[in-house]
Amino acid sequence: MPRTRDFFLNLIRKAAALSHLTQLQAQLIHHRLLKNDISITTKLTHKFFDFNATLHARALFFSVPKPDLFLFNVLIKGFSANNKPLSAISLFTHLRKNTRLKPDDYSYAFVVSAAASLGDARIGAILHGMAMIDGFGLDLFVGSALVDFYFKIWRENLAIQVFDRLPQIDTVLFNTMISGFAKNSCFEDSIRIFGDMVLGNEPKFDLTSVIAVLPAVAELQELKLGMQILCLAIKCGFYSHLSLLTGLISLFSKCGEVEIARLLFGEIRKRDLISCNAMISGFTCNGETEDSVKLFKELLGSGERVSSSTIVGLIPVYCYQHSLGLCSNRSLKSWRMGTQLN
């Protein structure tokens, strides 16, 4: 089979391991395609990030004599998504100061996301100012990233200001507002915005909207609203989604309806650690200690590595048993040996 450009692009798309990519890179170098085809270089760089191979992606990028803006954006986004926010910000600075290329809305959105994961208010404010100077202050894509940034540094007032000034709105932006308000303990505001979407006054809601509002409903213990959201999810065909069911389990557990939570947990075909943690915590906070410990033992028996959230959900069980003298030193030792934290 001839080693054409499309042949290699297809192999890059299908690569299932980092070793596949490094072998492909060697073949591309041999056929002089990396040096002469920036599109292939960009595809390979993007794929390296899929395997968290940031060093490979960085080395490949700096081997390109004249990278274009798209390749810069792929690297900035990749660093941000792979927990390398300082690298993303450094590369953005290099793009702006040391090249003739001009950042676009994607450049700013990706680097603002990096600043959000870093949690640095000063850097985020500087990037916000740069975006306004370069004409992207009212851009929807950049604005959504800025709203998310301000929520993550607990400045919901600034998030609201950015939101109010944007001339365009979409579902992604509203989902960011719903989630941001919930995480900043502005539960009524989170529910209000979701309600506006459901009533049709704002962009159409989606599965992410429903999942995002559940923590706010749970914290306020709005049982009636929780039932309405459950009915809405069934009507819209969202019911079988794992993240939605997990959120509903937490919601009904906090409202004292552990039997509804139990039924929802039974609907999950393939349970993960997060859904099990939610059910363990739900059993515990509703006094169902035996069911809580039973599920914990089933989780250990499955070979799943439990997390700190699992243990936090079981602490009240241990404290209760200890107060009754039911938890011996030997059982406590077994407890510790049986839990492997991530």
C-alpha atoms as a PDB file:
ATOM      1  CA  MET A   1       0.000   0.000   0.000  1.00  0.00           C
ATOM      2  CA  PRO A   2       1.463   3.411  -0.942  1.00  0.00           C
ATOM      3  CA  ARG A   3       2.443   5.582   2.004  1.00  0.00           C
ATOM      4  CA  THR A   4       0.330   8.609   1.099  1.00  0.00           C
ATOM      5  CA  ARG A   5      -0.659  11.588   3.221  1.00  0.00           C
ATOM      6  CA  ASP A   6      -4.197  10.252   3.708  1.00  0.00           C
ATOM      7  CA  PHE A   7      -2.777   6.848   4.678  1.00  0.00           C
ATOM      8  CA  PHE A   8      -0.849   8.374   7.577  1.00  0.00           C
ATOM      9  CA  LEU A   9      -3.707  10.664   8.621  1.00  0.00           C
ATOM     10  CA  ASN A  10      -5.949   7.608   8.902  1.00  0.00           C
ATOM     11  CA  LEU A  11      -3.353   5.808  11.042  1.00  0.00           C
ATOM     12  CA  ILE A  12      -3.055   8.827  13.347  1.00  0.00           C
ATOM     13  CA  ARG A  13      -6.823   8.861  13.864  1.00  0.00           C
ATOM     14  CA  LYS A  14      -6.883   5.137  14.659  1.00  0.00           C
ATOM     15  CA  ALA A  15      -3.846   5.099  16.981  1.00  0.00           C
ATOM     16  CA  ALA A  16      -4.821   3.376  20.240  1.00  0.00           C
ATOM     17  CA  ALA A  17      -1.578   3.750  22.212  1.00  0.00           C
ATOM     18  CA  LEU A  18       1.330   6.140  22.589  1.00  0.00           C
ATOM     19  CA  SER A  19       3.698   3.549  21.102  1.00  0.00           C
ATOM     20  CA  HIS A  20       1.626   3.611  17.905  1.00  0.00           C
ATOM     21  CA  LEU A  21       2.105   7.360  17.635  1.00  0.00           C
ATOM     22  CA  THR A  22       5.866   7.272  18.201  1.00  0.00           C
ATOM     23  CA  GLN A  23       6.201   4.605  15.495  1.00  0.00           C
ATOM     24  CA  LEU A  24       4.076   6.724  13.171  1.00  0.00           C
ATOM     25  CA  GLN A  25       6.213   9.752  13.943  1.00  0.00           C
ATOM     26  CA  ALA A  26       9.327   7.826  12.909  1.00  0.00           C
ATOM     27  CA  GLN A  27       7.670   6.799   9.633  1.00  0.00           C
ATOM     28  CA  LEU A  28       6.526  10.368   8.969  1.00  0.00           C
ATOM     29  CA  ILE A  29      10.057  11.650   9.498  1.00  0.00           C
ATOM     30  CA  HIS A  30      11.366   8.937   7.157  1.00  0.00           C
ATOM     31  CA  HIS A  31       8.892   9.973   4.447  1.00  0.00           C
ATOM     32  CA  ARG A  32       9.607  13.688   5.060  1.00  0.00           C
ATOM     33  CA  LEU A  33       5.987  14.459   5.747  1.00  0.00           C
ATOM     34  CA  LEU A  34       6.426  16.092   9.149  1.00  0.00           C
ATOM     35  CA  LYS A  35       8.818  18.648   7.762  1.00  0.00           C
ATOM     36  CA  ASN A  36       6.703  19.542   4.739  1.00  0.00           C
ATOM     37  CA  ASP A  37       3.103  19.129   5.939  1.00  0.00           C
ATOM     38  CA  ILE A  38       2.025  21.237   8.916  1.00  0.00           C
ATOM     39  CA  SER A  39      -1.462  19.701   8.821  1.00  0.00           C
ATOM     40  CA  ILE A  40      -0.074  16.242   9.610  1.00  0.00           C
ATOM     41  CA  THR A  41       2.115  17.747  12.329  1.00  0.00           C
ATOM     42  CA  THR A  42      -0.946  19.401  13.851  1.00  0.00           C
ATOM     43  CA  LYS A  43      -2.959  16.160  13.783  1.00  0.00           C
ATOM     44  CA  LEU A  44      -0.111  14.243  15.404  1.00  0.00           C
ATOM     45  CA  THR A  45       0.350  16.927  18.073  1.00  0.00           C
ATOM     46  CA  HIS A  46      -3.351  16.832  18.891  1.00  0.00           C
ATOM     47  CA  LYS A  47      -3.278  13.045  19.159  1.00  0.00           C
ATOM     48  CA  PHE A  48      -0.279  13.131  21.517  1.00  0.00           C
ATOM     49  CA  PHE A  49      -2.383  15.184  23.927  1.00  0.00           C
ATOM     50  CA  ASP A  50      -5.085  12.497  23.841  1.00  0.00           C
ATOM     51  CA  PHE A  51      -2.543  10.228  25.560  1.00  0.00           C
ATOM     52  CA  ASN A  52      -1.330  12.975  27.935  1.00  0.00           C
ATOM     53  CA  ALA A  53       2.054  12.892  26.149  1.00  0.00           C
ATOM     54  CA  THR A  54       2.743  16.598  26.668  1.00  0.00           C
ATOM     55  CA  LEU A  55       6.526  16.266  26.285  1.00  0.00           C
ATOM     56  CA  HIS A  56       6.139  14.567  22.893  1.00  0.00           C
ATOM     57  CA  ALA A  57       3.673  17.248  21.764  1.00  0.00           C
ATOM     58  CA  ARG A  58       5.953  20.056  22.936  1.00  0.00           C
ATOM     59  CA  ALA A  59       9.025  18.606  21.208  1.00  0.00           C
ATOM     60  CA  LEU A  60       7.090  18.120  17.983  1.00  0.00           C
ATOM     61  CA  PHE A  61       5.780  21.694  18.085  1.00  0.00           C
ATOM     62  CA  PHE A  62       9.240  23.216  18.512  1.00  0.00           C
ATOM     63  CA  SER A  63      10.557  21.163  15.606  1.00  0.00           C
ATOM     64  CA  VAL A  64       8.310  23.155  13.258  1.00  0.00           C
ATOM     65  CA  PRO A  65      10.169  26.180  11.804  1.00  0.00           C
ATOM     66  CA  LYS A  66       7.055  28.295  11.253  1.00  0.00           C
ATOM     67  CA  PRO A  67       4.032  27.037  13.208  1.00  0.00           C
ATOM     68  CA  ASP A  68       0.713  28.573  12.219  1.00  0.00           C
ATOM     69  CA  LEU A  69      -1.952  29.901  14.585  1.00  0.00           C
ATOM     70  CA  PHE A  70      -3.957  26.684  14.458  1.00  0.00           C
ATOM     71  CA  LEU A  71      -0.977  24.665  15.716  1.00  0.00           C
ATOM     72  CA  PHE A  72      -0.398  27.228  18.483  1.00  0.00           C
ATOM     73  CA  ASN A  73      -4.045  26.886  19.534  1.00  0.00           C
ATOM     74  CA  VAL A  74      -3.841  23.077  19.552  1.00  0.00           C
ATOM     75  CA  LEU A  75      -0.847  23.243  21.873  1.00  0.00           C
ATOM     76  CA  ILE A  76      -2.360  25.894  24.182  1.00  0.00           C
ATOM     77  CA  LYS A  77      -5.578  23.884  24.459  1.00  0.00           C
ATOM     78  CA  GLY A  78      -3.663  20.635  24.958  1.00  0.00           C
ATOM     79  CA  PHE A  79      -1.542  22.044  27.773  1.00  0.00           C
ATOM     80  CA  SER A  80      -4.625  23.486  29.473  1.00  0.00           C
ATOM     81  CA  ALA A  81      -6.586  20.221  29.183  1.00  0.00           C
ATOM     82  CA  ASN A  82      -3.642  18.135  30.444  1.00  0.00           C
ATOM     83  CA  ASN A  83      -3.078  20.108  33.654  1.00  0.00           C
ATOM     84  CA  LYS A  84      -0.182  22.202  32.346  1.00  0.00           C
ATOM     85  CA  PRO A  85      -1.665  25.694  32.754  1.00  0.00           C
ATOM     86  CA  LEU A  86       1.673  27.494  33.125  1.00  0.00           C
ATOM     87  CA  SER A  87       2.897  25.946  29.865  1.00  0.00           C
ATOM     88  CA  ALA A  88      -0.278  27.093  28.122  1.00  0.00           C
ATOM     89  CA  ILE A  89       0.087  30.643  29.438  1.00  0.00           C
ATOM     90  CA  SER A  90       3.798  30.728  28.575  1.00  0.00           C
ATOM     91  CA  LEU A  91       3.114  29.590  25.008  1.00  0.00           C
ATOM     92  CA  PHE A  92       0.348  32.178  24.615  1.00  0.00           C
ATOM     93  CA  THR A  93       2.778  34.868  25.769  1.00  0.00           C
ATOM     94  CA  HIS A  94       5.331  33.608  23.239  1.00  0.00           C
ATOM     95  CA  LEU A  95       2.670  33.735  20.502  1.00  0.00           C
ATOM     96  CA  ARG A  96       1.742  37.305  21.332  1.00  0.00           C
ATOM     97  CA  LYS A  97       5.219  38.744  21.865  1.00  0.00           C
ATOM     98  CA  ASN A  98       7.592  36.776  19.659  1.00  0.00           C
ATOM     99  CA  THR A  99       5.631  36.021  16.487  1.00  0.00           C
ATOM    100  CA  ARG A 100       3.783  37.975  13.836  1.00  0.00           C
ATOM    101  CA  LEU A 101       0.685  35.908  14.426  1.00  0.00           C
ATOM    102  CA  LYS A 102      -2.259  37.440  16.248  1.00  0.00           C
ATOM    103  CA  PRO A 103      -4.259  35.445  18.829  1.00  0.00           C
ATOM    104  CA  ASP A 104      -7.867  34.726  17.875  1.00  0.00           C
ATOM    105  CA  ASP A 105     -10.919  33.929  19.960  1.00  0.00           C
ATOM    106  CA  TYR A 106      -9.819  30.299  20.347  1.00  0.00           C
ATOM    107  CA  SER A 107      -6.395  31.367  21.616  1.00  0.00           C
ATOM    108  CA  TYR A 108      -7.953  33.547  24.297  1.00  0.00           C
ATOM    109  CA  ALA A 109     -10.606  31.025  25.302  1.00  0.00           C
ATOM    110  CA  PHE A 110      -8.026  28.254  25.738  1.00  0.00           C
ATOM    111  CA  VAL A 111      -5.557  30.381  27.706  1.00  0.00           C
ATOM    112  CA  VAL A 112      -8.307  31.775  29.963  1.00  0.00           C
ATOM    113  CA  SER A 113      -9.287  28.165  30.722  1.00  0.00           C
ATOM    114  CA  ALA A 114      -5.658  27.543  31.694  1.00  0.00           C
ATOM    115  CA  ALA A 115      -5.761  30.547  34.047  1.00  0.00           C
ATOM    116  CA  ALA A 116      -8.992  29.176  35.546  1.00  0.00           C
ATOM    117  CA  SER A 117      -7.402  25.813  36.357  1.00  0.00           C
ATOM    118  CA  LEU A 118      -4.424  27.675  37.821  1.00  0.00           C
ATOM    119  CA  GLY A 119      -6.746  29.827  39.931  1.00  0.00           C
ATOM    120  CA  ASP A 120      -4.641  32.955  39.447  1.00  0.00           C
ATOM    121  CA  ALA A 121      -6.871  36.044  39.579  1.00  0.00           C
ATOM    122  CA  ARG A 122      -4.098  38.407  38.454  1.00  0.00           C
ATOM    123  CA  ILE A 123      -3.260  36.442  35.298  1.00  0.00           C
ATOM    124  CA  GLY A 124      -6.936  36.057  34.465  1.00  0.00           C
ATOM    125  CA  ALA A 125      -7.543  39.803  34.810  1.00  0.00           C
ATOM    126  CA  ILE A 126      -4.569  40.562  32.535  1.00  0.00           C
ATOM    127  CA  LEU A 127      -5.853  38.111  29.914  1.00  0.00           C
ATOM    128  CA  HIS A 128      -9.315  39.671  30.167  1.00  0.00           C
ATOM    129  CA  GLY A 129      -7.797  43.084  29.475  1.00  0.00           C
ATOM    130  CA  MET A 130      -5.786  41.753  26.528  1.00  0.00           C
ATOM    131  CA  ALA A 131      -8.896  40.164  25.053  1.00  0.00           C
ATOM    132  CA  MET A 132     -10.748  43.468  25.237  1.00  0.00           C
ATOM    133  CA  ILE A 133      -7.842  45.344  23.626  1.00  0.00           C
ATOM    134  CA  ASP A 134      -7.646  42.792  20.801  1.00  0.00           C
ATOM    135  CA  GLY A 135     -11.387  43.031  20.160  1.00  0.00           C
ATOM    136  CA  PHE A 136     -12.557  39.779  21.769  1.00  0.00           C
ATOM    137  CA  GLY A 137     -14.097  41.198  24.939  1.00  0.00           C
ATOM    138  CA  LEU A 138     -17.639  40.606  23.664  1.00  0.00           C
ATOM    139  CA  ASP A 139     -16.906  37.329  21.871  1.00  0.00           C
ATOM    140  CA  LEU A 140     -19.228  34.526  22.997  1.00  0.00           C
ATOM    141  CA  PHE A 141     -16.517  31.849  23.083  1.00  0.00           C
ATOM    142  CA  VAL A 142     -14.092  34.016  25.057  1.00  0.00           C
ATOM    143  CA  GLY A 143     -16.900  35.353  27.238  1.00  0.00           C
ATOM    144  CA  SER A 144     -17.955  31.837  28.261  1.00  0.00           C
ATOM    145  CA  ALA A 145     -14.367  31.059  29.271  1.00  0.00           C
ATOM    146  CA  LEU A 146     -14.177  34.288  31.296  1.00  0.00           C
ATOM    147  CA  VAL A 147     -17.468  33.544  33.071  1.00  0.00           C
ATOM    148  CA  ASP A 148     -16.147  30.109  34.015  1.00  0.00           C
ATOM    149  CA  PHE A 149     -12.856  31.657  35.189  1.00  0.00           C
ATOM    150  CA  TYR A 150     -14.509  34.186  37.501  1.00  0.00           C
ATOM    151  CA  PHE A 151     -16.763  31.551  39.013  1.00  0.00           C
ATOM    152  CA  LYS A 152     -13.751  29.333  39.714  1.00  0.00           C
ATOM    153  CA  ILE A 153     -12.019  32.130  41.644  1.00  0.00           C
ATOM    154  CA  TRP A 154     -15.232  32.851  43.588  1.00  0.00           C
ATOM    155  CA  ARG A 155     -15.933  36.210  41.926  1.00  0.00           C
ATOM    156  CA  GLU A 156     -19.509  35.604  40.837  1.00  0.00           C
ATOM    157  CA  ASN A 157     -20.128  39.374  40.630  1.00  0.00           C
ATOM    158  CA  LEU A 158     -17.547  39.652  37.838  1.00  0.00           C
ATOM    159  CA  ALA A 159     -18.938  36.549  36.128  1.00  0.00           C
ATOM    160  CA  ILE A 160     -22.363  38.211  36.084  1.00  0.00           C
ATOM    161  CA  GLN A 161     -20.879  41.421  34.647  1.00  0.00           C
ATOM    162  CA  VAL A 162     -19.226  39.526  31.788  1.00  0.00           C
ATOM    163  CA  PHE A 163     -22.423  37.573  31.160  1.00  0.00           C
ATOM    164  CA  ASP A 164     -24.621  40.681  31.097  1.00  0.00           C
ATOM    165  CA  ARG A 165     -22.388  42.430  28.530  1.00  0.00           C
ATOM    166  CA  LEU A 166     -22.310  39.616  25.988  1.00  0.00           C
ATOM    167  CA  PRO A 167     -24.517  40.442  22.979  1.00  0.00           C
ATOM    168  CA  GLN A 168     -24.996  36.742  22.167  1.00  0.00           C
ATOM    169  CA  ILE A 169     -25.970  33.846  24.384  1.00  0.00           C
ATOM    170  CA  ASP A 170     -26.099  30.089  23.873  1.00  0.00           C
ATOM    171  CA  THR A 171     -26.757  26.902  25.810  1.00  0.00           C
ATOM    172  CA  VAL A 172     -23.098  26.390  26.726  1.00  0.00           C
ATOM    173  CA  LEU A 173     -22.910  29.834  28.320  1.00  0.00           C
ATOM    174  CA  PHE A 174     -26.091  29.284  30.326  1.00  0.00           C
ATOM    175  CA  ASN A 175     -24.869  25.883  31.490  1.00  0.00           C
ATOM    176  CA  THR A 176     -21.690  27.591  32.692  1.00  0.00           C
ATOM    177  CA  MET A 177     -23.831  30.050  34.662  1.00  0.00           C
ATOM    178  CA  ILE A 178     -25.980  27.282  36.194  1.00  0.00           C
ATOM    179  CA  SER A 179     -22.936  25.265  37.258  1.00  0.00           C
ATOM    180  CA  GLY A 180     -20.989  28.331  38.402  1.00  0.00           C
ATOM    181  CA  PHE A 181     -23.791  29.619  40.623  1.00  0.00           C
ATOM    182  CA  ALA A 182     -24.237  26.170  42.174  1.00  0.00           C
ATOM    183  CA  LYS A 183     -20.512  25.828  42.940  1.00  0.00           C
ATOM    184  CA  ASN A 184     -20.488  29.322  44.453  1.00  0.00           C
ATOM    185  CA  SER A 185     -23.436  28.448  46.745  1.00  0.00           C
ATOM    186  CA  CYS A 186     -25.800  30.753  44.845  1.00  0.00           C
ATOM    187  CA  PHE A 187     -28.345  27.951  44.637  1.00  0.00           C
ATOM    188  CA  GLU A 188     -31.463  30.048  43.984  1.00  0.00           C
ATOM    189  CA  ASP A 189     -29.749  31.808  41.061  1.00  0.00           C
ATOM    190  CA  SER A 190     -28.696  28.479  39.591  1.00  0.00           C
ATOM    191  CA  ILE A 191     -32.270  27.175  39.725  1.00  0.00           C
ATOM    192  CA  ARG A 192     -33.656  30.462  38.364  1.00  0.00           C
ATOM    193  CA  ILE A 193     -31.510  30.348  35.228  1.00  0.00           C
ATOM    194  CA  PHE A 194     -32.375  26.693  34.654  1.00  0.00           C
ATOM    195  CA  GLY A 195     -36.053  27.573  35.025  1.00  0.00           C
ATOM    196  CA  ASP A 196     -35.717  30.298  32.388  1.00  0.00           C
ATOM    197  CA  MET A 197     -34.261  27.750  29.959  1.00  0.00           C
ATOM    198  CA  VAL A 198     -37.026  25.214  30.626  1.00  0.00           C
ATOM    199  CA  LEU A 199     -39.747  27.832  30.175  1.00  0.00           C
ATOM    200  CA  GLY A 200     -38.313  28.711  26.789  1.00  0.00           C
ATOM    201  CA  ASN A 201     -37.276  32.273  27.612  1.00  0.00           C
ATOM    202  CA  GLU A 202     -33.617  31.482  26.992  1.00  0.00           C
ATOM    203  CA  PRO A 203     -31.609  29.017  24.855  1.00  0.00           C
ATOM    204  CA  LYS A 204     -32.901  25.445  24.867  1.00  0.00           C
ATOM    205  CA  PHE A 205     -31.679  23.335  27.772  1.00  0.00           C
ATOM    206  CA  ASP A 206     -29.843  20.040  27.284  1.00  0.00           C
ATOM    207  CA  LEU A 207     -28.595  17.108  29.364  1.00  0.00           C
ATOM    208  CA  THR A 208     -25.715  19.188  30.743  1.00  0.00           C
ATOM    209  CA  SER A 209     -28.186  21.837  31.950  1.00  0.00           C
ATOM    210  CA  VAL A 210     -30.152  19.243  33.924  1.00  0.00           C
ATOM    211  CA  ILE A 211     -27.031  17.697  35.468  1.00  0.00           C
ATOM    212  CA  ALA A 212     -25.633  21.141  36.371  1.00  0.00           C
ATOM    213  CA  VAL A 213     -28.700  22.245  38.344  1.00  0.00           C
ATOM    214  CA  LEU A 214     -29.047  19.066  40.445  1.00  0.00           C
ATOM    215  CA  PRO A 215     -26.481  20.067  43.148  1.00  0.00           C
ATOM    216  CA  ALA A 216     -28.355  23.341  43.747  1.00  0.00           C
ATOM    217  CA  VAL A 217     -31.689  21.527  44.089  1.00  0.00           C
ATOM    218  CA  ALA A 218     -30.068  18.969  46.410  1.00  0.00           C
ATOM    219  CA  GLU A 219     -28.530  21.602  48.681  1.00  0.00           C
ATOM    220  CA  LEU A 220     -31.878  23.376  49.064  1.00  0.00           C
ATOM    221  CA  GLN A 221     -33.603  19.982  49.535  1.00  0.00           C
ATOM    222  CA  GLU A 222     -36.307  20.945  47.060  1.00  0.00           C
ATOM    223  CA  LEU A 223     -37.991  17.546  46.827  1.00  0.00           C
ATOM    224  CA  LYS A 224     -40.919  18.709  44.656  1.00  0.00           C
ATOM    225  CA  LEU A 225     -38.570  20.359  42.188  1.00  0.00           C
ATOM    226  CA  GLY A 226     -36.397  17.243  42.204  1.00  0.00           C
ATOM    227  CA  MET A 227     -39.411  15.125  41.217  1.00  0.00           C
ATOM    228  CA  GLN A 228     -40.250  17.585  38.441  1.00  0.00           C
ATOM    229  CA  ILE A 229     -36.692  17.387  37.106  1.00  0.00           C
ATOM    230  CA  LEU A 230     -36.853  13.590  37.215  1.00  0.00           C
ATOM    231  CA  CYS A 231     -40.046  13.666  35.140  1.00  0.00           C
ATOM    232  CA  LEU A 232     -38.471  16.174  32.753  1.00  0.00           C
ATOM    233  CA  ALA A 233     -35.424  13.935  32.311  1.00  0.00           C
ATOM    234  CA  ILE A 234     -37.637  10.935  31.516  1.00  0.00           C
ATOM    235  CA  LYS A 235     -39.693  12.978  29.042  1.00  0.00           C
ATOM    236  CA  CYS A 236     -36.577  14.266  27.257  1.00  0.00           C
ATOM    237  CA  GLY A 237     -34.873  10.873  27.070  1.00  0.00           C
ATOM    238  CA  PHE A 238     -32.040  11.780  29.477  1.00  0.00           C
ATOM    239  CA  TYR A 239     -33.043   9.281  32.153  1.00  0.00           C
ATOM    240  CA  SER A 240     -30.496   6.535  31.464  1.00  0.00           C
ATOM    241  CA  HIS A 241     -27.426   8.789  31.557  1.00  0.00           C
ATOM    242  CA  LEU A 242     -25.019   7.783  34.351  1.00  0.00           C
ATOM    243  CA  SER A 243     -24.114  11.302  35.511  1.00  0.00           C
ATOM    244  CA  LEU A 244     -27.769  12.308  35.649  1.00  0.00           C
ATOM    245  CA  LEU A 245     -28.768   9.254  37.690  1.00  0.00           C
ATOM    246  CA  THR A 246     -25.838   9.842  40.052  1.00  0.00           C
ATOM    247  CA  GLY A 247     -26.919  13.450  40.590  1.00  0.00           C
ATOM    248  CA  LEU A 248     -30.501  12.373  41.221  1.00  0.00           C
ATOM    249  CA  ILE A 249     -29.327   9.765  43.753  1.00  0.00           C
ATOM    250  CA  SER A 250     -27.541  12.498  45.718  1.00  0.00           C
ATOM    251  CA  LEU A 251     -30.536  14.824  45.413  1.00  0.00           C
ATOM    252  CA  PHE A 252     -33.151  12.383  46.725  1.00  0.00           C
ATOM    253  CA  SER A 253     -30.805  11.108  49.424  1.00  0.00           C
ATOM    254  CA  LYS A 254     -30.359  14.645  50.760  1.00  0.00           C
ATOM    255  CA  CYS A 255     -34.142  15.081  50.675  1.00  0.00           C
ATOM    256  CA  GLY A 256     -34.541  11.966  52.853  1.00  0.00           C
ATOM    257  CA  GLU A 257     -36.010   9.848  50.057  1.00  0.00           C
ATOM    258  CA  VAL A 258     -33.451   7.064  50.206  1.00  0.00           C
ATOM    259  CA  GLU A 259     -35.837   4.490  48.684  1.00  0.00           C
ATOM    260  CA  ILE A 260     -36.179   6.574  45.520  1.00  0.00           C
ATOM    261  CA  ALA A 261     -32.403   6.899  45.467  1.00  0.00           C
ATOM    262  CA  ARG A 262     -32.103   3.124  45.849  1.00  0.00           C
ATOM    263  CA  LEU A 263     -34.449   2.572  42.883  1.00  0.00           C
ATOM    264  CA  LEU A 264     -32.454   4.997  40.737  1.00  0.00           C
ATOM    265  CA  PHE A 265     -29.226   3.252  41.715  1.00  0.00           C
ATOM    266  CA  GLY A 266     -30.770  -0.030  40.572  1.00  0.00           C
ATOM    267  CA  GLU A 267     -31.410   1.502  37.155  1.00  0.00           C
ATOM    268  CA  ILE A 268     -27.682   1.988  36.527  1.00  0.00           C
ATOM    269  CA  ARG A 269     -26.452  -0.789  34.274  1.00  0.00           C
ATOM    270  CA  LYS A 270     -22.739  -0.127  34.646  1.00  0.00           C
ATOM    271  CA  ARG A 271     -21.958   1.487  37.996  1.00  0.00           C
ATOM    272  CA  ASP A 272     -18.806   3.489  38.519  1.00  0.00           C
ATOM    273  CA  LEU A 273     -17.048   4.675  41.677  1.00  0.00           C
ATOM    274  CA  ILE A 274     -18.814   8.054  41.680  1.00  0.00           C
ATOM    275  CA  SER A 275     -22.303   6.525  41.566  1.00  0.00           C
ATOM    276  CA  CYS A 276     -21.372   4.016  44.300  1.00  0.00           C
ATOM    277  CA  ASN A 277     -19.995   6.822  46.467  1.00  0.00           C
ATOM    278  CA  ALA A 278     -23.247   8.750  46.031  1.00  0.00           C
ATOM    279  CA  MET A 279     -25.308   5.747  47.120  1.00  0.00           C
ATOM    280  CA  ILE A 280     -23.006   4.922  50.068  1.00  0.00           C
ATOM    281  CA  SER A 281     -23.272   8.517  51.263  1.00  0.00           C
ATOM    282  CA  GLY A 282     -27.040   8.429  50.704  1.00  0.00           C
ATOM    283  CA  PHE A 283     -27.452   5.302  52.798  1.00  0.00           C
ATOM    284  CA  THR A 284     -25.249   6.730  55.555  1.00  0.00           C
ATOM    285  CA  CYS A 285     -26.934  10.122  55.856  1.00  0.00           C
ATOM    286  CA  ASN A 286     -30.324   8.391  56.072  1.00  0.00           C
ATOM    287  CA  GLY A 287     -29.281   5.949  58.808  1.00  0.00           C
ATOM    288  CA  GLU A 288     -29.148   2.903  56.520  1.00  0.00           C
ATOM    289  CA  THR A 289     -25.784   1.811  57.950  1.00  0.00           C
ATOM    290  CA  GLU A 290     -26.033  -1.868  57.075  1.00  0.00           C
ATOM    291  CA  ASP A 291     -26.771  -1.127  53.418  1.00  0.00           C
ATOM    292  CA  SER A 292     -23.945   1.403  53.374  1.00  0.00           C
ATOM    293  CA  VAL A 293     -21.376  -1.100  54.659  1.00  0.00           C
ATOM    294  CA  LYS A 294     -22.770  -3.849  52.396  1.00  0.00           C
ATOM    295  CA  LEU A 295     -22.321  -1.701  49.274  1.00  0.00           C
ATOM    296  CA  PHE A 296     -18.837  -0.727  50.437  1.00  0.00           C
ATOM    297  CA  LYS A 297     -17.879  -4.398  50.758  1.00  0.00           C
ATOM    298  CA  GLU A 298     -19.318  -5.137  47.309  1.00  0.00           C
ATOM    299  CA  LEU A 299     -17.227  -2.280  45.938  1.00  0.00           C
ATOM    300  CA  LEU A 300     -14.056  -3.713  47.485  1.00  0.00           C
ATOM    301  CA  GLY A 301     -14.952  -7.210  46.277  1.00  0.00           C
ATOM    302  CA  SER A 302     -15.242  -5.949  42.705  1.00  0.00           C
ATOM    303  CA  GLY A 303     -11.596  -4.869  42.790  1.00  0.00           C
ATOM    304  CA  GLU A 304     -12.485  -1.188  42.427  1.00  0.00           C
ATOM    305  CA  ARG A 305     -10.019   1.222  44.061  1.00  0.00           C
ATOM    306  CA  VAL A 306     -12.056   3.323  46.464  1.00  0.00           C
ATOM    307  CA  SER A 307     -11.501   7.049  46.856  1.00  0.00           C
ATOM    308  CA  SER A 308     -11.411   9.454  49.776  1.00  0.00           C
ATOM    309  CA  SER A 309     -15.068  10.285  49.026  1.00  0.00           C
ATOM    310  CA  THR A 310     -15.968   6.659  49.733  1.00  0.00           C
ATOM    311  CA  ILE A 311     -14.346   6.814  53.163  1.00  0.00           C
ATOM    312  CA  VAL A 312     -15.915  10.183  53.978  1.00  0.00           C
ATOM    313  CA  GLY A 313     -19.322   8.659  53.280  1.00  0.00           C
ATOM    314  CA  LEU A 314     -18.602   5.862  55.760  1.00  0.00           C
ATOM    315  CA  ILE A 315     -17.124   7.903  58.617  1.00  0.00           C
ATOM    316  CA  PRO A 316     -20.525   8.407  60.323  1.00  0.00           C
ATOM    317  CA  VAL A 317     -21.068   4.622  60.205  1.00  0.00           C
ATOM    318  CA  TYR A 318     -17.773   3.951  61.960  1.00  0.00           C
ATOM    319  CA  CYS A 319     -18.410   6.712  64.528  1.00  0.00           C
ATOM    320  CA  TYR A 320     -21.837   5.258  65.307  1.00  0.00           C
ATOM    321  CA  GLN A 321     -20.527   1.711  65.686  1.00  0.00           C
ATOM    322  CA  HIS A 322     -17.600   2.923  67.774  1.00  0.00           C
ATOM    323  CA  SER A 323     -19.972   4.755  70.145  1.00  0.00           C
ATOM    324  CA  LEU A 324     -21.860   1.488  70.652  1.00  0.00           C
ATOM    325  CA  GLY A 325     -18.645  -0.458  71.215  1.00  0.00           C
ATOM    326  CA  LEU A 326     -19.210  -2.520  68.050  1.00  0.00           C
ATOM    327  CA  CYS A 327     -15.973  -1.550  66.335  1.00  0.00           C
ATOM    328  CA  SER A 328     -12.926  -3.305  67.779  1.00  0.00           C
ATOM    329  CA  ASN A 329      -9.303  -2.452  67.149  1.00  0.00           C
ATOM    330  CA  ARG A 330      -9.078  -5.564  65.000  1.00  0.00           C
ATOM    331  CA  SER A 331     -11.999  -4.506  62.806  1.00  0.00           C
ATOM    332  CA  LEU A 332     -10.537  -1.016  62.533  1.00  0.00           C
ATOM    333  CA  LYS A 333      -7.246  -2.543  61.338  1.00  0.00           C
ATOM    334  CA  SER A 334      -9.125  -4.628  58.767  1.00  0.00           C
ATOM    335  CA  TRP A 335     -10.969  -1.489  57.657  1.00  0.00           C
ATOM    336  CA  ARG A 336      -7.709   0.348  57.022  1.00  0.00           C
ATOM    337  CA  MET A 337      -6.103  -2.589  55.229  1.00  0.00           C
ATOM    338  CA  GLY A 338      -9.132  -3.066  52.994  1.00  0.00           C
ATOM    339  CA  THR A 339      -9.212   0.495  51.694  1.00  0.00           C
ATOM    340  CA  GLN A 340      -6.789   1.612  49.005  1.00  0.00           C
ATOM    341  CA  LEU A 341      -7.170   5.300  48.342  1.00  0.00           C
ATOM    342  CA  ASN A 342      -6.509   6.845  44.965  1.00  0.00           C
END
